[in-house]
C-alpha cells in the first residue's frame, strides 16, 4: 500500500459566480488546514460574496454578503480553519466573474 505524503501545500484559485462553487474539499486520508483566504474584486463595481464551510448536510457561513470594494480585496478568515476529510469551502459572488478567490491550504495525513 502506498504511503500518504505527510504534508502537502496547495493553492486553490476560483473565479466566483452567483452560484455556490466548491473551492476546496479535504481529500480522503487528509485534514486540510486553510492557512489564508483572499477575495479580490476585479471589476469596476462593488459586489458581495458569501463563503461557507460544508460538512455533510450542514453549511455554516464563514462570512455572508460581505462587500468587496472596487479594485480591492477582503480577507474572510481571521485565523486558520481546519477541515476534516470531505469538508469543503464554498463561495458565491453577488455578480458573475467579479471576484477571484485564493486559498492557501496545508493538507496533513490523518
PDB file of N, CA and C in Angstrom:
ATOM      1  N   UNK A   1       0.839  -1.177   0.000  1.00  0.00           N
ATOM      2  CA  UNK A   1       0.000   0.000   0.000  1.00  0.00           C
ATOM      3  C   UNK A   1       0.888   1.245   0.000  1.00  0.00           C
ATOM      4  N   UNK A   2       0.570   2.196  -0.855  1.00  0.00           N
ATOM      5  CA  UNK A   2       1.345   3.439  -0.942  1.00  0.00           C
ATOM      6  C   UNK A   2       1.102   4.288   0.299  1.00  0.00           C
ATOM      7  N   UNK A   3       2.159   4.876   0.778  1.00  0.00           N
ATOM      8  CA  UNK A   3       2.077   5.733   1.957  1.00  0.00           C
ATOM      9  C   UNK A   3       1.684   7.145   1.531  1.00  0.00           C
ATOM     10  N   UNK A   4       0.792   7.778   2.295  1.00  0.00           N
ATOM     11  CA  UNK A   4       0.396   9.149   2.016  1.00  0.00           C
ATOM     12  C   UNK A   4       1.525  10.088   2.394  1.00  0.00           C
ATOM     13  N   UNK A   5       1.683  11.164   1.608  1.00  0.00           N
ATOM     14  CA  UNK A   5       2.646  12.205   1.969  1.00  0.00           C
ATOM     15  C   UNK A   5       2.179  12.840   3.272  1.00  0.00           C
ATOM     16  N   UNK A   6       3.120  13.092   4.180  1.00  0.00           N
ATOM     17  CA  UNK A   6       2.750  13.648   5.481  1.00  0.00           C
ATOM     18  C   UNK A   6       2.126  15.024   5.340  1.00  0.00           C
ATOM     19  N   UNK A   7       2.741  15.915   4.578  1.00  0.00           N
ATOM     20  CA  UNK A   7       2.238  17.278   4.383  1.00  0.00           C
ATOM     21  C   UNK A   7       2.288  17.638   2.910  1.00  0.00           C
ATOM     22  N   UNK A   8       1.226  18.313   2.450  1.00  0.00           N
ATOM     23  CA  UNK A   8       1.177  18.817   1.079  1.00  0.00           C
ATOM     24  C   UNK A   8       0.618  20.227   1.133  1.00  0.00           C
ATOM     25  N   UNK A   9       1.267  21.165   0.462  1.00  0.00           N
ATOM     26  CA  UNK A   9       0.767  22.531   0.371  1.00  0.00           C
ATOM     27  C   UNK A   9       0.038  22.703  -0.957  1.00  0.00           C
ATOM     28  N   UNK A  10      -1.114  23.365  -0.907  1.00  0.00           N
ATOM     29  CA  UNK A  10      -1.926  23.576  -2.108  1.00  0.00           C
ATOM     30  C   UNK A  10      -2.341  25.043  -2.176  1.00  0.00           C
ATOM     31  N   UNK A  11      -2.479  25.532  -3.397  1.00  0.00           N
ATOM     32  CA  UNK A  11      -3.066  26.842  -3.645  1.00  0.00           C
ATOM     33  C   UNK A  11      -4.245  26.620  -4.571  1.00  0.00           C
ATOM     34  N   UNK A  12      -5.403  27.074  -4.153  1.00  0.00           N
ATOM     35  CA  UNK A  12      -6.618  26.934  -4.961  1.00  0.00           C
ATOM     36  C   UNK A  12      -7.096  28.324  -5.369  1.00  0.00           C
ATOM     37  N   UNK A  13      -7.445  28.483  -6.643  1.00  0.00           N
ATOM     38  CA  UNK A  13      -7.982  29.752  -7.127  1.00  0.00           C
ATOM     39  C   UNK A  13      -9.256  29.490  -7.919  1.00  0.00           C
ATOM     40  N   UNK A  14     -10.225  30.382  -7.753  1.00  0.00           N
ATOM     41  CA  UNK A  14     -11.513  30.248  -8.435  1.00  0.00           C
ATOM     42  C   UNK A  14     -12.045  31.641  -8.763  1.00  0.00           C
ATOM     43  N   UNK A  15     -12.622  31.786  -9.957  1.00  0.00           N
ATOM     44  CA  UNK A  15     -13.379  32.982 -10.300  1.00  0.00           C
ATOM     45  C   UNK A  15     -14.823  32.690  -9.915  1.00  0.00           C
ATOM     46  N   UNK A  16     -15.378  33.510  -9.023  1.00  0.00           N
ATOM     47  CA  UNK A  16     -16.712  33.222  -8.481  1.00  0.00           C
ATOM     48  C   UNK A  16     -17.836  33.599  -9.430  1.00  0.00           C
ATOM     49  N   UNK A  17     -18.935  32.869  -9.291  1.00  0.00           N
ATOM     50  CA  UNK A  17     -20.187  33.176  -9.982  1.00  0.00           C
ATOM     51  C   UNK A  17     -21.262  33.383  -8.915  1.00  0.00           C
ATOM     52  N   UNK A  18     -22.471  33.591  -9.351  1.00  0.00           N
ATOM     53  CA  UNK A  18     -23.571  33.794  -8.406  1.00  0.00           C
ATOM     54  C   UNK A  18     -24.070  32.478  -7.813  1.00  0.00           C
ATOM     55  N   UNK A  19     -23.586  31.355  -8.326  1.00  0.00           N
ATOM     56  CA  UNK A  19     -23.926  30.044  -7.772  1.00  0.00           C
ATOM     57  C   UNK A  19     -22.812  29.588  -6.831  1.00  0.00           C
ATOM     58  N   UNK A  20     -23.183  28.832  -5.801  1.00  0.00           N
ATOM     59  CA  UNK A  20     -22.173  28.277  -4.900  1.00  0.00           C
ATOM     60  C   UNK A  20     -21.181  27.428  -5.684  1.00  0.00           C
ATOM     61  N   UNK A  21     -19.896  27.675  -5.446  1.00  0.00           N
ATOM     62  CA  UNK A  21     -18.841  26.898  -6.079  1.00  0.00           C
ATOM     63  C   UNK A  21     -17.962  26.304  -4.992  1.00  0.00           C
ATOM     64  N   UNK A  22     -17.592  25.055  -5.162  1.00  0.00           N
ATOM     65  CA  UNK A  22     -16.663  24.434  -4.229  1.00  0.00           C
ATOM     66  C   UNK A  22     -15.251  24.879  -4.584  1.00  0.00           C
ATOM     67  N   UNK A  23     -14.573  25.487  -3.619  1.00  0.00           N
ATOM     68  CA  UNK A  23     -13.212  25.967  -3.829  1.00  0.00           C
ATOM     69  C   UNK A  23     -12.210  24.884  -3.442  1.00  0.00           C
ATOM     70  N   UNK A  24     -12.516  24.178  -2.348  1.00  0.00           N
ATOM     71  CA  UNK A  24     -11.600  23.146  -1.864  1.00  0.00           C
ATOM     72  C   UNK A  24     -12.377  22.118  -1.063  1.00  0.00           C
ATOM     73  N   UNK A  25     -11.984  20.851  -1.199  1.00  0.00           N
ATOM     74  CA  UNK A  25     -12.518  19.757  -0.387  1.00  0.00           C
ATOM     75  C   UNK A  25     -11.337  18.959   0.152  1.00  0.00           C
ATOM     76  N   UNK A  26     -11.323  18.722   1.462  1.00  0.00           N
ATOM     77  CA  UNK A  26     -10.253  17.923   2.076  1.00  0.00           C
ATOM     78  C   UNK A  26     -10.369  16.489   1.578  1.00  0.00           C
ATOM     79  N   UNK A  27      -9.297  15.950   0.984  1.00  0.00           N
ATOM     80  CA  UNK A  27      -9.372  14.606   0.411  1.00  0.00           C
ATOM     81  C   UNK A  27      -9.334  13.503   1.476  1.00  0.00           C
ATOM     82  N   UNK A  28      -9.723  12.312   1.064  1.00  0.00           N
ATOM     83  CA  UNK A  28      -9.688  11.145   1.946  1.00  0.00           C
ATOM     84  C   UNK A  28      -8.271  10.930   2.471  1.00  0.00           C
ATOM     85  N   UNK A  29      -8.177  10.726   3.774  1.00  0.00           N
ATOM     86  CA  UNK A  29      -6.888  10.467   4.404  1.00  0.00           C
ATOM     87  C   UNK A  29      -6.148  11.710   4.861  1.00  0.00           C
ATOM     88  N   UNK A  30      -6.714  12.884   4.585  1.00  0.00           N
ATOM     89  CA  UNK A  30      -6.056  14.137   4.939  1.00  0.00           C
ATOM     90  C   UNK A  30      -6.982  15.069   5.714  1.00  0.00           C
ATOM     91  N   UNK A  31      -6.375  15.903   6.535  1.00  0.00           N
ATOM     92  CA  UNK A  31      -7.038  17.049   7.136  1.00  0.00           C
ATOM     93  C   UNK A  31      -6.512  18.266   6.396  1.00  0.00           C
ATOM     94  N   UNK A  32      -7.401  19.149   5.963  1.00  0.00           N
ATOM     95  CA  UNK A  32      -6.984  20.370   5.281  1.00  0.00           C
ATOM     96  C   UNK A  32      -6.992  21.529   6.265  1.00  0.00           C
ATOM     97  N   UNK A  33      -5.921  22.289   6.279  1.00  0.00           N
ATOM     98  CA  UNK A  33      -5.849  23.463   7.138  1.00  0.00           C
ATOM     99  C   UNK A  33      -5.760  24.675   6.220  1.00  0.00           C
ATOM    100  N   UNK A  34      -6.812  25.493   6.213  1.00  0.00           N
ATOM    101  CA  UNK A  34      -6.809  26.701   5.398  1.00  0.00           C
ATOM    102  C   UNK A  34      -5.942  27.720   6.135  1.00  0.00           C
ATOM    103  N   UNK A  35      -4.812  28.048   5.538  1.00  0.00           N
ATOM    104  CA  UNK A  35      -3.866  28.972   6.150  1.00  0.00           C
ATOM    105  C   UNK A  35      -4.204  30.423   5.833  1.00  0.00           C
ATOM    106  N   UNK A  36      -4.781  30.643   4.652  1.00  0.00           N
ATOM    107  CA  UNK A  36      -5.046  32.013   4.202  1.00  0.00           C
ATOM    108  C   UNK A  36      -6.149  31.984   3.160  1.00  0.00           C
ATOM    109  N   UNK A  37      -6.988  32.988   3.172  1.00  0.00           N
ATOM    110  CA  UNK A  37      -8.034  33.146   2.157  1.00  0.00           C
ATOM    111  C   UNK A  37      -8.094  34.620   1.770  1.00  0.00           C
ATOM    112  N   UNK A  38      -8.269  34.865   0.482  1.00  0.00           N
ATOM    113  CA  UNK A  38      -8.228  36.225  -0.049  1.00  0.00           C
ATOM    114  C   UNK A  38      -9.254  36.316  -1.180  1.00  0.00           C
ATOM    115  N   UNK A  39     -10.097  37.337  -1.153  1.00  0.00           N
ATOM    116  CA  UNK A  39     -11.100  37.546  -2.195  1.00  0.00           C
ATOM    117  C   UNK A  39     -10.846  38.919  -2.809  1.00  0.00           C
ATOM    118  N   UNK A  40     -10.632  38.962  -4.127  1.00  0.00           N
ATOM    119  CA  UNK A  40     -10.300  40.204  -4.817  1.00  0.00           C
ATOM    120  C   UNK A  40     -11.398  40.586  -5.797  1.00  0.00           C
ATOM    121  N   UNK A  41     -11.775  41.867  -5.772  1.00  0.00           N
ATOM    122  CA  UNK A  41     -12.744  42.403  -6.726  1.00  0.00           C
ATOM    123  C   UNK A  41     -11.970  42.901  -7.937  1.00  0.00           C
ATOM    124  N   UNK A  42     -12.239  42.324  -9.104  1.00  0.00           N
ATOM    125  CA  UNK A  42     -11.512  42.675 -10.324  1.00  0.00           C
ATOM    126  C   UNK A  42     -12.365  43.506 -11.289  1.00  0.00           C
ATOM    127  N   UNK A  43     -13.458  44.077 -10.784  1.00  0.00           N
ATOM    128  CA  UNK A  43     -14.351  44.853 -11.642  1.00  0.00           C
ATOM    129  C   UNK A  43     -14.414  46.314 -11.188  1.00  0.00           C
ATOM    130  N   UNK A  44     -15.249  47.083 -11.874  1.00  0.00           N
ATOM    131  CA  UNK A  44     -15.401  48.500 -11.551  1.00  0.00           C
ATOM    132  C   UNK A  44     -16.655  48.770 -10.719  1.00  0.00           C
ATOM    133  N   UNK A  45     -17.214  47.713 -10.119  1.00  0.00           N
ATOM    134  CA  UNK A  45     -18.387  47.847  -9.245  1.00  0.00           C
ATOM    135  C   UNK A  45     -18.171  47.049  -7.967  1.00  0.00           C
ATOM    136  N   UNK A  46     -18.589  47.628  -6.857  1.00  0.00           N
ATOM    137  CA  UNK A  46     -18.540  46.881  -5.598  1.00  0.00           C
ATOM    138  C   UNK A  46     -19.497  45.703  -5.698  1.00  0.00           C
ATOM    139  N   UNK A  47     -19.148  44.618  -5.074  1.00  0.00           N
ATOM    140  CA  UNK A  47     -20.029  43.450  -5.063  1.00  0.00           C
ATOM    141  C   UNK A  47     -19.847  42.702  -3.751  1.00  0.00           C
ATOM    142  N   UNK A  48     -20.717  41.743  -3.510  1.00  0.00           N
ATOM    143  CA  UNK A  48     -20.686  40.999  -2.257  1.00  0.00           C
ATOM    144  C   UNK A  48     -20.317  39.539  -2.512  1.00  0.00           C
ATOM    145  N   UNK A  49     -19.958  38.856  -1.431  1.00  0.00           N
ATOM    146  CA  UNK A  49     -19.711  37.427  -1.534  1.00  0.00           C
ATOM    147  C   UNK A  49     -20.072  36.759  -0.217  1.00  0.00           C
ATOM    148  N   UNK A  50     -20.327  35.466  -0.314  1.00  0.00           N
ATOM    149  CA  UNK A  50     -20.583  34.619   0.841  1.00  0.00           C
ATOM    150  C   UNK A  50     -19.643  33.430   0.742  1.00  0.00           C
ATOM    151  N   UNK A  51     -19.014  33.090   1.877  1.00  0.00           N
ATOM    152  CA  UNK A  51     -18.131  31.930   1.933  1.00  0.00           C
ATOM    153  C   UNK A  51     -18.612  31.042   3.064  1.00  0.00           C
ATOM    154  N   UNK A  52     -18.642  29.719   2.823  1.00  0.00           N
ATOM    155  CA  UNK A  52     -19.190  28.780   3.800  1.00  0.00           C
ATOM    156  C   UNK A  52     -18.311  27.551   3.965  1.00  0.00           C
ATOM    157  N   UNK A  53     -18.421  26.960   5.148  1.00  0.00           N
ATOM    158  CA  UNK A  53     -17.820  25.657   5.472  1.00  0.00           C
ATOM    159  C   UNK A  53     -18.955  24.640   5.351  1.00  0.00           C
ATOM    160  N   UNK A  54     -18.689  23.524   4.668  1.00  0.00           N
ATOM    161  CA  UNK A  54     -19.715  22.497   4.470  1.00  0.00           C
ATOM    162  C   UNK A  54     -19.206  21.162   5.014  1.00  0.00           C
ATOM    163  N   UNK A  55     -19.993  20.573   5.918  1.00  0.00           N
ATOM    164  CA  UNK A  55     -19.717  19.229   6.436  1.00  0.00           C
ATOM    165  C   UNK A  55     -21.014  18.445   6.344  1.00  0.00           C
ATOM    166  N   UNK A  56     -20.987  17.400   5.524  1.00  0.00           N
ATOM    167  CA  UNK A  56     -22.184  16.583   5.266  1.00  0.00           C
ATOM    168  C   UNK A  56     -23.325  17.492   4.825  1.00  0.00           C
ATOM    169  N   UNK A  57     -24.433  17.495   5.549  1.00  0.00           N
ATOM    170  CA  UNK A  57     -25.586  18.311   5.168  1.00  0.00           C
ATOM    171  C   UNK A  57     -25.614  19.646   5.912  1.00  0.00           C
ATOM    172  N   UNK A  58     -24.550  19.986   6.651  1.00  0.00           N
ATOM    173  CA  UNK A  58     -24.526  21.216   7.434  1.00  0.00           C
ATOM    174  C   UNK A  58     -23.634  22.252   6.763  1.00  0.00           C
ATOM    175  N   UNK A  59     -24.223  23.394   6.435  1.00  0.00           N
ATOM    176  CA  UNK A  59     -23.486  24.510   5.856  1.00  0.00           C
ATOM    177  C   UNK A  59     -23.437  25.636   6.882  1.00  0.00           C
ATOM    178  N   UNK A  60     -22.220  26.115   7.164  1.00  0.00           N
ATOM    179  CA  UNK A  60     -22.034  27.196   8.127  1.00  0.00           C
ATOM    180  C   UNK A  60     -21.316  28.348   7.430  1.00  0.00           C
ATOM    181  N   UNK A  61     -21.951  29.502   7.408  1.00  0.00           N
ATOM    182  CA  UNK A  61     -21.353  30.664   6.763  1.00  0.00           C
ATOM    183  C   UNK A  61     -20.137  31.146   7.550  1.00  0.00           C
ATOM    184  N   UNK A  62     -19.040  31.356   6.858  1.00  0.00           N
ATOM    185  CA  UNK A  62     -17.856  31.984   7.431  1.00  0.00           C
ATOM    186  C   UNK A  62     -18.067  33.494   7.389  1.00  0.00           C
ATOM    187  N   UNK A  63     -18.571  33.955   6.262  1.00  0.00           N
ATOM    188  CA  UNK A  63     -18.955  35.359   6.077  1.00  0.00           C
ATOM    189  C   UNK A  63     -20.123  35.367   5.107  1.00  0.00           C
ATOM    190  N   UNK A  64     -21.101  36.248   5.342  1.00  0.00           N
ATOM    191  CA  UNK A  64     -22.299  36.285   4.497  1.00  0.00           C
ATOM    192  C   UNK A  64     -22.507  37.692   3.965  1.00  0.00           C
ATOM    193  N   UNK A  65     -22.603  37.804   2.653  1.00  0.00           N
ATOM    194  CA  UNK A  65     -22.870  39.072   1.972  1.00  0.00           C
ATOM    195  C   UNK A  65     -21.885  40.180   2.344  1.00  0.00           C
ATOM    196  N   UNK A  66     -20.608  39.832   2.430  1.00  0.00           N
ATOM    197  CA  UNK A  66     -19.566  40.824   2.700  1.00  0.00           C
ATOM    198  C   UNK A  66     -19.315  41.640   1.433  1.00  0.00           C
ATOM    199  N   UNK A  67     -19.167  42.925   1.584  1.00  0.00           N
ATOM    200  CA  UNK A  67     -18.940  43.810   0.444  1.00  0.00           C
ATOM    201  C   UNK A  67     -17.443  43.927   0.145  1.00  0.00           C
ATOM    202  N   UNK A  68     -17.099  43.794  -1.133  1.00  0.00           N
ATOM    203  CA  UNK A  68     -15.720  43.978  -1.570  1.00  0.00           C
ATOM    204  C   UNK A  68     -15.697  45.207  -2.480  1.00  0.00           C
ATOM    205  N   UNK A  69     -15.023  46.277  -2.045  1.00  0.00           N
ATOM    206  CA  UNK A  69     -14.985  47.500  -2.841  1.00  0.00           C
ATOM    207  C   UNK A  69     -14.287  47.310  -4.189  1.00  0.00           C
ATOM    208  N   UNK A  70     -14.476  48.261  -5.066  1.00  0.00           N
ATOM    209  CA  UNK A  70     -13.870  48.251  -6.393  1.00  0.00           C
ATOM    210  C   UNK A  70     -12.341  48.146  -6.274  1.00  0.00           C
ATOM    211  N   UNK A  71     -11.760  47.264  -7.062  1.00  0.00           N
ATOM    212  CA  UNK A  71     -10.304  47.081  -7.111  1.00  0.00           C
ATOM    213  C   UNK A  71      -9.669  46.909  -5.738  1.00  0.00           C
ATOM    214  N   UNK A  72     -10.359  46.216  -4.858  1.00  0.00           N
ATOM    215  CA  UNK A  72      -9.881  45.997  -3.501  1.00  0.00           C
ATOM    216  C   UNK A  72     -10.025  44.517  -3.168  1.00  0.00           C
ATOM    217  N   UNK A  73      -9.711  44.171  -1.927  1.00  0.00           N
ATOM    218  CA  UNK A  73      -9.755  42.774  -1.516  1.00  0.00           C
ATOM    219  C   UNK A  73     -10.337  42.650  -0.120  1.00  0.00           C
ATOM    220  N   UNK A  74     -10.690  41.417   0.232  1.00  0.00           N
ATOM    221  CA  UNK A  74     -11.271  41.093   1.535  1.00  0.00           C
ATOM    222  C   UNK A  74     -10.632  39.791   2.011  1.00  0.00           C
ATOM    223  N   UNK A  75     -10.254  39.759   3.285  1.00  0.00           N
ATOM    224  CA  UNK A  75      -9.690  38.549   3.881  1.00  0.00           C
ATOM    225  C   UNK A  75     -10.744  37.976   4.826  1.00  0.00           C
ATOM    226  N   UNK A  76     -11.435  36.898   4.427  1.00  0.00           N
ATOM    227  CA  UNK A  76     -12.575  36.402   5.204  1.00  0.00           C
ATOM    228  C   UNK A  76     -12.231  35.582   6.441  1.00  0.00           C
ATOM    229  N   UNK A  77     -10.977  35.154   6.581  1.00  0.00           N
ATOM    230  CA  UNK A  77     -10.592  34.356   7.750  1.00  0.00           C
ATOM    231  C   UNK A  77      -9.623  35.137   8.615  1.00  0.00           C
ATOM    232  N   UNK A  78      -9.869  35.110   9.919  1.00  0.00           N
ATOM    233  CA  UNK A  78      -9.002  35.806  10.865  1.00  0.00           C
ATOM    234  C   UNK A  78      -7.921  34.890  11.420  1.00  0.00           C
ATOM    235  N   UNK A  79      -7.987  33.623  11.078  1.00  0.00           N
ATOM    236  CA  UNK A  79      -7.021  32.639  11.557  1.00  0.00           C
ATOM    237  C   UNK A  79      -7.095  31.424  10.660  1.00  0.00           C
ATOM    238  N   UNK A  80      -6.649  30.314  11.153  1.00  0.00           N
ATOM    239  CA  UNK A  80      -6.661  29.079  10.373  1.00  0.00           C
ATOM    240  C   UNK A  80      -7.998  28.350  10.549  1.00  0.00           C
ATOM    241  N   UNK A  81      -8.363  27.565   9.548  1.00  0.00           N
ATOM    242  CA  UNK A  81      -9.600  26.795   9.594  1.00  0.00           C
ATOM    243  C   UNK A  81      -9.263  25.345   9.263  1.00  0.00           C
ATOM    244  N   UNK A  82      -9.628  24.429  10.162  1.00  0.00           N
ATOM    245  CA  UNK A  82      -9.341  23.008   9.988  1.00  0.00           C
ATOM    246  C   UNK A  82     -10.538  22.333   9.322  1.00  0.00           C
ATOM    247  N   UNK A  83     -10.249  21.603   8.246  1.00  0.00           N
ATOM    248  CA  UNK A  83     -11.289  20.868   7.514  1.00  0.00           C
ATOM    249  C   UNK A  83     -11.001  19.382   7.630  1.00  0.00           C
ATOM    250  N   UNK A  84     -11.950  18.650   8.159  1.00  0.00           N
ATOM    251  CA  UNK A  84     -11.822  17.200   8.243  1.00  0.00           C
ATOM    252  C   UNK A  84     -12.036  16.608   6.855  1.00  0.00           C
ATOM    253  N   UNK A  85     -11.641  15.350   6.680  1.00  0.00           N
ATOM    254  CA  UNK A  85     -11.838  14.670   5.403  1.00  0.00           C
ATOM    255  C   UNK A  85     -13.259  14.888   4.893  1.00  0.00           C
ATOM    256  N   UNK A  86     -13.375  15.282   3.634  1.00  0.00           N
ATOM    257  CA  UNK A  86     -14.622  15.556   2.912  1.00  0.00           C
ATOM    258  C   UNK A  86     -15.302  16.873   3.271  1.00  0.00           C
ATOM    259  N   UNK A  87     -14.781  17.649   4.227  1.00  0.00           N
ATOM    260  CA  UNK A  87     -15.290  19.006   4.461  1.00  0.00           C
ATOM    261  C   UNK A  87     -14.903  19.873   3.263  1.00  0.00           C
ATOM    262  N   UNK A  88     -15.742  20.882   2.968  1.00  0.00           N
ATOM    263  CA  UNK A  88     -15.490  21.763   1.827  1.00  0.00           C
ATOM    264  C   UNK A  88     -15.602  23.225   2.218  1.00  0.00           C
ATOM    265  N   UNK A  89     -14.978  24.057   1.380  1.00  0.00           N
ATOM    266  CA  UNK A  89     -15.169  25.505   1.421  1.00  0.00           C
ATOM    267  C   UNK A  89     -15.878  25.860   0.128  1.00  0.00           C
ATOM    268  N   UNK A  90     -17.005  26.570   0.250  1.00  0.00           N
ATOM    269  CA  UNK A  90     -17.765  27.013  -0.921  1.00  0.00           C
ATOM    270  C   UNK A  90     -17.922  28.521  -0.851  1.00  0.00           C
ATOM    271  N   UNK A  91     -18.122  29.133  -2.017  1.00  0.00           N
ATOM    272  CA  UNK A  91     -18.334  30.579  -2.058  1.00  0.00           C
ATOM    273  C   UNK A  91     -19.170  30.941  -3.276  1.00  0.00           C
ATOM    274  N   UNK A  92     -19.795  32.109  -3.187  1.00  0.00           N
ATOM    275  CA  UNK A  92     -20.542  32.669  -4.309  1.00  0.00           C
ATOM    276  C   UNK A  92     -20.405  34.187  -4.261  1.00  0.00           C
ATOM    277  N   UNK A  93     -20.615  34.816  -5.410  1.00  0.00           N
ATOM    278  CA  UNK A  93     -20.492  36.268  -5.528  1.00  0.00           C
ATOM    279  C   UNK A  93     -21.835  36.892  -5.869  1.00  0.00           C
ATOM    280  N   UNK A  94     -21.928  38.184  -5.641  1.00  0.00           N
ATOM    281  CA  UNK A  94     -23.142  38.918  -5.992  1.00  0.00           C
ATOM    282  C   UNK A  94     -23.271  39.158  -7.483  1.00  0.00           C
ATOM    283  N   UNK A  95     -22.149  39.045  -8.226  1.00  0.00           N
ATOM    284  CA  UNK A  95     -22.151  39.225  -9.678  1.00  0.00           C
ATOM    285  C   UNK A  95     -21.146  38.252 -10.291  1.00  0.00           C
ATOM    286  N   UNK A  96     -21.489  37.694 -11.437  1.00  0.00           N
ATOM    287  CA  UNK A  96     -20.604  36.733 -12.109  1.00  0.00           C
ATOM    288  C   UNK A  96     -19.267  37.357 -12.508  1.00  0.00           C
ATOM    289  N   UNK A  97     -18.204  36.589 -12.340  1.00  0.00           N
ATOM    290  CA  UNK A  97     -16.855  36.942 -12.784  1.00  0.00           C
ATOM    291  C   UNK A  97     -16.336  38.258 -12.214  1.00  0.00           C
ATOM    292  N   UNK A  98     -16.832  38.651 -11.060  1.00  0.00           N
ATOM    293  CA  UNK A  98     -16.391  39.912 -10.450  1.00  0.00           C
ATOM    294  C   UNK A  98     -15.365  39.697  -9.348  1.00  0.00           C
ATOM    295  N   UNK A  99     -15.337  38.504  -8.775  1.00  0.00           N
ATOM    296  CA  UNK A  99     -14.451  38.219  -7.653  1.00  0.00           C
ATOM    297  C   UNK A  99     -13.596  36.992  -7.931  1.00  0.00           C
ATOM    298  N   UNK A 100     -12.355  37.045  -7.463  1.00  0.00           N
ATOM    299  CA  UNK A 100     -11.449  35.905  -7.535  1.00  0.00           C
ATOM    300  C   UNK A 100     -11.052  35.525  -6.116  1.00  0.00           C
ATOM    301  N   UNK A 101     -11.055  34.223  -5.844  1.00  0.00           N
ATOM    302  CA  UNK A 101     -10.703  33.713  -4.521  1.00  0.00           C
ATOM    303  C   UNK A 101      -9.369  32.980  -4.608  1.00  0.00           C
ATOM    304  N   UNK A 102      -8.556  33.165  -3.594  1.00  0.00           N
ATOM    305  CA  UNK A 102      -7.296  32.464  -3.462  1.00  0.00           C
ATOM    306  C   UNK A 102      -7.268  31.827  -2.076  1.00  0.00           C
ATOM    307  N   UNK A 103      -7.060  30.507  -2.034  1.00  0.00           N
ATOM    308  CA  UNK A 103      -6.930  29.786  -0.756  1.00  0.00           C
ATOM    309  C   UNK A 103      -5.554  29.145  -0.708  1.00  0.00           C
ATOM    310  N   UNK A 104      -4.915  29.240   0.450  1.00  0.00           N
ATOM    311  CA  UNK A 104      -3.670  28.539   0.712  1.00  0.00           C
ATOM    312  C   UNK A 104      -3.991  27.471   1.737  1.00  0.00           C
ATOM    313  N   UNK A 105      -3.707  26.200   1.399  1.00  0.00           N
ATOM    314  CA  UNK A 105      -4.114  25.075   2.236  1.00  0.00           C
ATOM    315  C   UNK A 105      -2.922  24.159   2.510  1.00  0.00           C
ATOM    316  N   UNK A 106      -2.831  23.706   3.749  1.00  0.00           N
ATOM    317  CA  UNK A 106      -1.875  22.664   4.120  1.00  0.00           C
ATOM    318  C   UNK A 106      -2.681  21.397   4.363  1.00  0.00           C
ATOM    319  N   UNK A 107      -2.374  20.356   3.595  1.00  0.00           N
ATOM    320  CA  UNK A 107      -3.000  19.055   3.820  1.00  0.00           C
ATOM    321  C   UNK A 107      -2.032  18.209   4.628  1.00  0.00           C
ATOM    322  N   UNK A 108      -2.524  17.620   5.706  1.00  0.00           N
ATOM    323  CA  UNK A 108      -1.692  16.768   6.543  1.00  0.00           C
ATOM    324  C   UNK A 108      -2.364  15.410   6.683  1.00  0.00           C
ATOM    325  N   UNK A 109      -1.571  14.348   6.555  1.00  0.00           N
ATOM    326  CA  UNK A 109      -2.106  12.990   6.606  1.00  0.00           C
ATOM    327  C   UNK A 109      -2.708  12.698   7.968  1.00  0.00           C
ATOM    328  N   UNK A 110      -3.852  12.011   7.980  1.00  0.00           N
ATOM    329  CA  UNK A 110      -4.520  11.640   9.225  1.00  0.00           C
ATOM    330  C   UNK A 110      -3.816  10.483   9.888  1.00  0.00           C
TER     331      UNK A 110
END
